[in-house]
Amino acid sequence: MAVVRRTILAAGDIASAHFVEIPDMTASEEPVYVTKPSWRTLWQTYRVFPDRVELSSFTGTKIVPFDQIDDIAVRPPLTIDLFKTGFPNCWALKLDFVDFFRHVAIKRKAGFIKRLRFTPDDPETFVDVVEGLRREA
């Protein structure tokens, strides 16, 4: 993965400038797995790359590097999951119709919203691909 060096200025003071290395997530890599858009996904696509998951939605693309994934699992519809696991596990950013279909739940290690839920065309295959690539990394 390419690394981009960016200069960060603190309060406009050039003397306090320092360099931060930010991974270049826009490199032209081919995705390993791409979901098919459908009405269940609100015609959105989700991609798995060798080092990250990209979730494209109407609000923008969420990039989740593998080292930031704490847990990934296939979950039942959210309405059923609510009664099985309790209310605290249902706080998540839902990118499509996860309330009504089996879906993928990603719990991140950090971030404002740690839980992401979305419905790929085949949730089991999506999780298997991500878990396999995480083991290789």
N, C-alpha and C. Protein backbone atom coordinates (compact mmCIF):
# COMPACT_ATOMS: atom_id res chain seq x y z
N MET A 1 0.84 -1.17 0.00
CA MET A 1 0.00 0.00 0.00
C MET A 1 0.88 1.23 0.00
N ALA A 2 0.55 2.18 -0.82
CA ALA A 2 1.31 3.41 -0.92
C ALA A 2 1.06 4.29 0.30
N VAL A 3 2.05 5.08 0.65
CA VAL A 3 1.92 5.99 1.78
C VAL A 3 2.07 7.41 1.28
N VAL A 4 1.19 8.28 1.71
CA VAL A 4 1.21 9.68 1.31
C VAL A 4 1.65 10.49 2.51
N ARG A 5 2.59 11.42 2.28
CA ARG A 5 3.02 12.31 3.37
C ARG A 5 2.26 13.61 3.25
N ARG A 6 1.64 14.01 4.33
CA ARG A 6 0.89 15.25 4.36
C ARG A 6 1.43 16.13 5.48
N THR A 7 1.46 17.43 5.24
CA THR A 7 1.92 18.37 6.25
C THR A 7 0.73 18.89 7.02
N ILE A 8 0.81 18.81 8.33
CA ILE A 8 -0.25 19.30 9.20
C ILE A 8 0.27 20.54 9.92
N LEU A 9 -0.43 21.64 9.80
CA LEU A 9 -0.04 22.87 10.49
C LEU A 9 -0.93 23.06 11.71
N ALA A 10 -0.31 23.31 12.83
CA ALA A 10 -1.05 23.56 14.06
C ALA A 10 -1.30 25.04 14.19
N ALA A 11 -2.53 25.46 14.14
CA ALA A 11 -2.94 26.86 14.29
C ALA A 11 -2.21 27.78 13.33
N GLY A 12 -1.86 27.30 12.15
CA GLY A 12 -1.23 28.13 11.13
C GLY A 12 0.22 28.46 11.38
N ASP A 13 0.84 27.86 12.37
CA ASP A 13 2.23 28.14 12.68
C ASP A 13 3.14 27.21 11.89
N ILE A 14 3.94 27.75 10.99
CA ILE A 14 4.80 26.95 10.14
C ILE A 14 5.88 26.24 10.96
N ALA A 15 6.31 26.85 12.05
CA ALA A 15 7.37 26.25 12.87
C ALA A 15 6.88 24.96 13.53
N SER A 16 5.58 24.82 13.76
CA SER A 16 5.08 23.62 14.43
C SER A 16 4.56 22.58 13.45
N ALA A 17 4.92 22.72 12.17
CA ALA A 17 4.46 21.76 11.17
C ALA A 17 5.12 20.41 11.41
N HIS A 18 4.36 19.36 11.23
CA HIS A 18 4.90 18.01 11.32
C HIS A 18 4.27 17.14 10.23
N PHE A 19 4.92 16.03 9.93
CA PHE A 19 4.46 15.16 8.87
C PHE A 19 3.69 13.99 9.46
N VAL A 20 2.61 13.66 8.81
CA VAL A 20 1.80 12.52 9.20
C VAL A 20 1.73 11.60 7.99
N GLU A 21 2.03 10.32 8.19
CA GLU A 21 1.94 9.38 7.09
C GLU A 21 0.55 8.77 7.08
N ILE A 22 -0.16 8.98 5.99
CA ILE A 22 -1.52 8.50 5.84
C ILE A 22 -1.53 7.47 4.72
N PRO A 23 -2.09 6.27 4.98
CA PRO A 23 -2.13 5.28 3.91
C PRO A 23 -2.96 5.79 2.74
N ASP A 24 -2.49 5.55 1.53
CA ASP A 24 -3.20 5.97 0.33
C ASP A 24 -4.24 4.90 -0.01
N MET A 25 -5.50 5.13 0.37
CA MET A 25 -6.57 4.17 0.15
C MET A 25 -7.18 4.30 -1.23
N THR A 26 -6.64 5.18 -2.06
CA THR A 26 -7.20 5.36 -3.39
C THR A 26 -6.34 4.70 -4.45
N ALA A 27 -5.43 3.84 -4.03
CA ALA A 27 -4.56 3.15 -5.00
C ALA A 27 -5.42 2.31 -5.93
N SER A 28 -4.97 2.17 -7.16
CA SER A 28 -5.77 1.45 -8.16
C SER A 28 -5.55 -0.05 -8.02
N GLU A 29 -6.17 -0.64 -7.03
CA GLU A 29 -6.14 -2.07 -6.82
C GLU A 29 -7.43 -2.67 -7.34
N GLU A 30 -7.38 -3.93 -7.70
CA GLU A 30 -8.59 -4.63 -8.08
C GLU A 30 -9.21 -5.25 -6.82
N PRO A 31 -10.51 -5.12 -6.64
CA PRO A 31 -11.13 -5.74 -5.48
C PRO A 31 -11.12 -7.26 -5.60
N VAL A 32 -11.03 -7.93 -4.46
CA VAL A 32 -11.05 -9.38 -4.41
C VAL A 32 -12.48 -9.89 -4.55
N TYR A 33 -13.42 -9.16 -3.96
CA TYR A 33 -14.83 -9.57 -3.97
C TYR A 33 -15.70 -8.32 -4.06
N VAL A 34 -16.70 -8.36 -4.93
CA VAL A 34 -17.63 -7.24 -5.09
C VAL A 34 -19.04 -7.80 -5.02
N THR A 35 -19.89 -7.18 -4.21
CA THR A 35 -21.27 -7.64 -4.12
C THR A 35 -22.09 -7.10 -5.29
N LYS A 36 -23.18 -7.78 -5.56
CA LYS A 36 -24.08 -7.33 -6.62
C LYS A 36 -25.10 -6.37 -6.02
N PRO A 37 -25.31 -5.23 -6.66
CA PRO A 37 -26.34 -4.32 -6.16
C PRO A 37 -27.74 -4.90 -6.39
N SER A 38 -28.61 -4.69 -5.44
CA SER A 38 -29.99 -5.14 -5.55
C SER A 38 -30.88 -4.21 -4.74
N TRP A 39 -32.15 -4.46 -4.76
CA TRP A 39 -33.06 -3.60 -4.01
C TRP A 39 -32.84 -3.76 -2.50
N ARG A 40 -32.37 -4.95 -2.05
CA ARG A 40 -32.10 -5.14 -0.62
C ARG A 40 -30.94 -4.28 -0.14
N THR A 41 -30.00 -4.00 -1.05
CA THR A 41 -28.84 -3.19 -0.69
C THR A 41 -29.03 -1.73 -1.09
N LEU A 42 -30.24 -1.40 -1.53
CA LEU A 42 -30.55 -0.06 -2.03
C LEU A 42 -29.64 0.29 -3.21
N TRP A 43 -29.29 -0.72 -4.02
CA TRP A 43 -28.45 -0.59 -5.21
C TRP A 43 -27.05 -0.08 -4.89
N GLN A 44 -26.56 -0.43 -3.72
CA GLN A 44 -25.20 -0.06 -3.31
C GLN A 44 -24.28 -1.26 -3.49
N THR A 45 -23.00 -1.01 -3.62
CA THR A 45 -22.03 -2.09 -3.73
C THR A 45 -21.07 -2.06 -2.56
N TYR A 46 -20.61 -3.25 -2.19
CA TYR A 46 -19.64 -3.39 -1.11
C TYR A 46 -18.47 -4.19 -1.68
N ARG A 47 -17.24 -3.70 -1.43
CA ARG A 47 -16.04 -4.31 -2.01
C ARG A 47 -15.08 -4.75 -0.93
N VAL A 48 -14.41 -5.87 -1.20
CA VAL A 48 -13.35 -6.37 -0.31
C VAL A 48 -12.05 -6.29 -1.10
N PHE A 49 -11.08 -5.59 -0.54
CA PHE A 49 -9.74 -5.47 -1.11
C PHE A 49 -8.79 -6.30 -0.25
N PRO A 50 -7.56 -6.51 -0.67
CA PRO A 50 -6.63 -7.33 0.12
C PRO A 50 -6.34 -6.79 1.52
N ASP A 51 -6.61 -5.51 1.78
CA ASP A 51 -6.29 -4.92 3.08
C ASP A 51 -7.43 -4.15 3.73
N ARG A 52 -8.60 -4.13 3.08
CA ARG A 52 -9.69 -3.30 3.62
C ARG A 52 -11.03 -3.71 3.03
N VAL A 53 -12.08 -3.16 3.64
CA VAL A 53 -13.44 -3.29 3.14
C VAL A 53 -13.92 -1.88 2.80
N GLU A 54 -14.52 -1.72 1.62
CA GLU A 54 -15.09 -0.43 1.22
C GLU A 54 -16.59 -0.59 1.08
N LEU A 55 -17.32 0.23 1.82
CA LEU A 55 -18.77 0.19 1.82
C LEU A 55 -19.28 1.47 1.16
N SER A 56 -19.70 1.37 -0.08
CA SER A 56 -20.20 2.54 -0.81
C SER A 56 -21.69 2.69 -0.54
N SER A 57 -22.08 3.88 -0.09
CA SER A 57 -23.49 4.15 0.17
C SER A 57 -23.81 5.56 -0.30
N PHE A 58 -25.05 5.96 -0.10
CA PHE A 58 -25.48 7.28 -0.53
C PHE A 58 -24.82 8.39 0.29
N THR A 59 -24.34 8.05 1.47
CA THR A 59 -23.69 9.05 2.32
C THR A 59 -22.19 9.12 2.10
N GLY A 60 -21.68 8.32 1.16
CA GLY A 60 -20.24 8.31 0.89
C GLY A 60 -19.68 6.91 1.07
N THR A 61 -18.38 6.79 0.87
CA THR A 61 -17.71 5.50 0.99
C THR A 61 -17.04 5.39 2.34
N LYS A 62 -17.40 4.34 3.08
CA LYS A 62 -16.75 4.06 4.36
C LYS A 62 -15.65 3.05 4.11
N ILE A 63 -14.44 3.37 4.54
CA ILE A 63 -13.29 2.49 4.37
C ILE A 63 -12.92 1.93 5.74
N VAL A 64 -12.91 0.59 5.83
CA VAL A 64 -12.58 -0.07 7.08
C VAL A 64 -11.36 -0.95 6.85
N PRO A 65 -10.17 -0.52 7.28
CA PRO A 65 -8.98 -1.37 7.15
C PRO A 65 -9.12 -2.61 8.02
N PHE A 66 -8.52 -3.71 7.58
CA PHE A 66 -8.63 -4.97 8.33
C PHE A 66 -8.11 -4.86 9.76
N ASP A 67 -7.07 -4.05 9.97
CA ASP A 67 -6.54 -3.94 11.33
C ASP A 67 -7.48 -3.17 12.27
N GLN A 68 -8.51 -2.52 11.73
CA GLN A 68 -9.49 -1.83 12.56
C GLN A 68 -10.74 -2.67 12.83
N ILE A 69 -10.83 -3.86 12.24
CA ILE A 69 -12.00 -4.72 12.45
C ILE A 69 -11.78 -5.54 13.71
N ASP A 70 -12.65 -5.36 14.68
CA ASP A 70 -12.60 -6.13 15.92
C ASP A 70 -13.34 -7.45 15.74
N ASP A 71 -14.50 -7.39 15.07
CA ASP A 71 -15.30 -8.59 14.86
C ASP A 71 -16.13 -8.42 13.60
N ILE A 72 -16.34 -9.51 12.87
CA ILE A 72 -17.21 -9.51 11.71
C ILE A 72 -18.01 -10.80 11.76
N ALA A 73 -19.32 -10.68 11.55
CA ALA A 73 -20.19 -11.85 11.67
C ALA A 73 -21.44 -11.67 10.84
N VAL A 74 -22.05 -12.81 10.51
CA VAL A 74 -23.35 -12.80 9.85
C VAL A 74 -24.40 -12.79 10.95
N ARG A 75 -25.35 -11.87 10.85
CA ARG A 75 -26.38 -11.70 11.88
C ARG A 75 -27.76 -11.92 11.28
N PRO A 76 -28.71 -12.32 12.11
CA PRO A 76 -30.09 -12.44 11.62
C PRO A 76 -30.70 -11.05 11.43
N PRO A 77 -31.90 -10.97 10.88
CA PRO A 77 -32.53 -9.65 10.75
C PRO A 77 -32.52 -8.90 12.08
N LEU A 78 -32.35 -7.61 12.01
CA LEU A 78 -32.18 -6.80 13.22
C LEU A 78 -33.38 -6.90 14.15
N THR A 79 -34.56 -7.06 13.60
CA THR A 79 -35.75 -7.19 14.46
C THR A 79 -35.69 -8.44 15.31
N ILE A 80 -35.11 -9.52 14.80
CA ILE A 80 -34.93 -10.75 15.58
C ILE A 80 -33.73 -10.61 16.50
N ASP A 81 -32.64 -10.03 16.00
CA ASP A 81 -31.41 -9.86 16.76
C ASP A 81 -31.64 -9.00 18.00
N LEU A 82 -32.54 -8.07 17.93
CA LEU A 82 -32.86 -7.20 19.06
C LEU A 82 -33.32 -8.00 20.26
N PHE A 83 -34.16 -8.99 20.03
CA PHE A 83 -34.68 -9.79 21.14
C PHE A 83 -33.71 -10.85 21.63
N LYS A 84 -32.77 -11.28 20.76
CA LYS A 84 -31.80 -12.29 21.16
C LYS A 84 -30.62 -11.72 21.92
N THR A 85 -30.08 -10.59 21.46
CA THR A 85 -28.83 -10.08 22.05
C THR A 85 -29.02 -8.85 22.91
N GLY A 86 -30.17 -8.23 22.86
CA GLY A 86 -30.39 -7.05 23.68
C GLY A 86 -30.20 -5.76 22.91
N PHE A 87 -30.70 -4.71 23.48
CA PHE A 87 -30.73 -3.41 22.82
C PHE A 87 -29.36 -2.79 22.56
N PRO A 88 -28.36 -2.91 23.46
CA PRO A 88 -27.08 -2.23 23.21
C PRO A 88 -26.37 -2.69 21.94
N ASN A 89 -26.54 -3.94 21.53
CA ASN A 89 -25.89 -4.42 20.31
C ASN A 89 -26.55 -3.93 19.04
N CYS A 90 -27.68 -3.27 19.14
CA CYS A 90 -28.41 -2.81 17.96
C CYS A 90 -28.05 -1.38 17.57
N TRP A 91 -27.23 -0.70 18.37
CA TRP A 91 -26.78 0.64 17.97
C TRP A 91 -25.73 0.48 16.89
N ALA A 92 -26.10 0.79 15.67
CA ALA A 92 -25.18 0.63 14.54
C ALA A 92 -25.61 1.55 13.41
N LEU A 93 -24.66 1.81 12.52
CA LEU A 93 -24.97 2.52 11.29
C LEU A 93 -25.47 1.48 10.29
N LYS A 94 -26.73 1.58 9.93
CA LYS A 94 -27.34 0.63 9.00
C LYS A 94 -27.32 1.25 7.61
N LEU A 95 -26.65 0.57 6.68
CA LEU A 95 -26.47 1.12 5.35
C LEU A 95 -27.57 0.73 4.38
N ASP A 96 -28.41 -0.24 4.73
CA ASP A 96 -29.50 -0.66 3.85
C ASP A 96 -30.58 -1.34 4.68
N PHE A 97 -31.25 -2.36 4.14
CA PHE A 97 -32.40 -2.99 4.81
C PHE A 97 -32.00 -4.10 5.78
N VAL A 98 -31.12 -3.84 6.72
CA VAL A 98 -30.68 -4.86 7.67
C VAL A 98 -31.77 -5.23 8.66
N ASP A 99 -32.79 -4.43 8.77
CA ASP A 99 -33.87 -4.74 9.69
C ASP A 99 -34.65 -5.98 9.28
N PHE A 100 -34.59 -6.33 8.00
CA PHE A 100 -35.46 -7.38 7.49
C PHE A 100 -34.74 -8.59 6.90
N PHE A 101 -33.40 -8.54 6.76
CA PHE A 101 -32.67 -9.62 6.10
C PHE A 101 -31.42 -9.99 6.88
N ARG A 102 -30.91 -11.23 6.62
CA ARG A 102 -29.61 -11.61 7.18
C ARG A 102 -28.58 -10.65 6.63
N HIS A 103 -27.66 -10.24 7.48
CA HIS A 103 -26.72 -9.19 7.09
C HIS A 103 -25.37 -9.41 7.75
N VAL A 104 -24.42 -8.56 7.40
CA VAL A 104 -23.08 -8.59 7.97
C VAL A 104 -22.97 -7.47 8.99
N ALA A 105 -22.42 -7.81 10.14
CA ALA A 105 -22.17 -6.81 11.20
C ALA A 105 -20.67 -6.71 11.40
N ILE A 106 -20.14 -5.50 11.28
CA ILE A 106 -18.73 -5.24 11.54
C ILE A 106 -18.63 -4.39 12.79
N LYS A 107 -17.81 -4.84 13.73
CA LYS A 107 -17.52 -4.04 14.92
C LYS A 107 -16.08 -3.55 14.77
N ARG A 108 -15.92 -2.23 14.74
CA ARG A 108 -14.59 -1.64 14.59
C ARG A 108 -13.97 -1.40 15.96
N LYS A 109 -12.64 -1.30 15.98
CA LYS A 109 -11.93 -1.06 17.23
C LYS A 109 -12.05 0.39 17.67
N ALA A 110 -12.19 1.31 16.72
CA ALA A 110 -12.24 2.73 17.04
C ALA A 110 -13.19 3.42 16.08
N GLY A 111 -13.52 4.64 16.41
CA GLY A 111 -14.39 5.43 15.55
C GLY A 111 -15.61 5.91 16.29
N PHE A 112 -16.25 6.91 15.75
CA PHE A 112 -17.45 7.47 16.38
C PHE A 112 -18.58 6.44 16.38
N ILE A 113 -18.78 5.80 15.25
CA ILE A 113 -19.76 4.72 15.16
C ILE A 113 -18.97 3.43 14.96
N LYS A 114 -18.95 2.59 15.99
CA LYS A 114 -18.11 1.40 15.95
C LYS A 114 -18.76 0.23 15.23
N ARG A 115 -20.09 0.20 15.18
CA ARG A 115 -20.77 -0.92 14.54
C ARG A 115 -21.37 -0.50 13.20
N LEU A 116 -21.11 -1.30 12.17
CA LEU A 116 -21.66 -1.08 10.84
C LEU A 116 -22.44 -2.33 10.45
N ARG A 117 -23.62 -2.14 9.86
CA ARG A 117 -24.42 -3.27 9.40
C ARG A 117 -24.87 -3.02 7.98
N PHE A 118 -24.76 -4.06 7.15
CA PHE A 118 -25.13 -3.94 5.75
C PHE A 118 -25.50 -5.32 5.21
N THR A 119 -26.20 -5.35 4.08
CA THR A 119 -26.75 -6.58 3.51
C THR A 119 -26.12 -6.87 2.15
N PRO A 120 -25.02 -7.62 2.09
CA PRO A 120 -24.50 -8.03 0.78
C PRO A 120 -25.39 -9.12 0.19
N ASP A 121 -25.19 -9.44 -1.08
CA ASP A 121 -26.02 -10.45 -1.72
C ASP A 121 -25.83 -11.83 -1.09
N ASP A 122 -24.64 -12.15 -0.60
CA ASP A 122 -24.37 -13.42 0.07
C ASP A 122 -23.53 -13.13 1.33
N PRO A 123 -24.19 -12.92 2.47
CA PRO A 123 -23.45 -12.53 3.68
C PRO A 123 -22.39 -13.54 4.12
N GLU A 124 -22.67 -14.85 3.99
CA GLU A 124 -21.72 -15.86 4.44
C GLU A 124 -20.43 -15.80 3.61
N THR A 125 -20.57 -15.68 2.29
CA THR A 125 -19.39 -15.60 1.43
C THR A 125 -18.59 -14.33 1.72
N PHE A 126 -19.28 -13.21 1.94
CA PHE A 126 -18.61 -11.95 2.24
C PHE A 126 -17.76 -12.11 3.50
N VAL A 127 -18.32 -12.67 4.56
CA VAL A 127 -17.59 -12.85 5.81
C VAL A 127 -16.44 -13.83 5.63
N ASP A 128 -16.66 -14.91 4.88
CA ASP A 128 -15.58 -15.88 4.64
C ASP A 128 -14.40 -15.25 3.90
N VAL A 129 -14.68 -14.43 2.90
CA VAL A 129 -13.62 -13.76 2.14
C VAL A 129 -12.83 -12.81 3.05
N VAL A 130 -13.53 -12.02 3.85
CA VAL A 130 -12.85 -11.07 4.74
C VAL A 130 -12.02 -11.82 5.78
N GLU A 131 -12.59 -12.85 6.39
CA GLU A 131 -11.85 -13.60 7.40
C GLU A 131 -10.62 -14.27 6.80
N GLY A 132 -10.75 -14.82 5.58
CA GLY A 132 -9.60 -15.44 4.93
C GLY A 132 -8.48 -14.44 4.64
N LEU A 133 -8.84 -13.26 4.16
CA LEU A 133 -7.83 -12.23 3.88
C LEU A 133 -7.22 -11.68 5.16
N ARG A 134 -8.00 -11.60 6.24
CA ARG A 134 -7.45 -11.12 7.51
C ARG A 134 -6.43 -12.10 8.07
N ARG A 135 -6.68 -13.41 7.89
CA ARG A 135 -5.73 -14.42 8.36
C ARG A 135 -4.42 -14.37 7.58
N GLU A 136 -4.52 -14.08 6.28
CA GLU A 136 -3.33 -13.99 5.43
C GLU A 136 -2.47 -12.78 5.76
N ALA A 137 -3.10 -11.70 6.19
CA ALA A 137 -2.37 -10.44 6.45
C ALA A 137 -1.57 -10.49 7.72
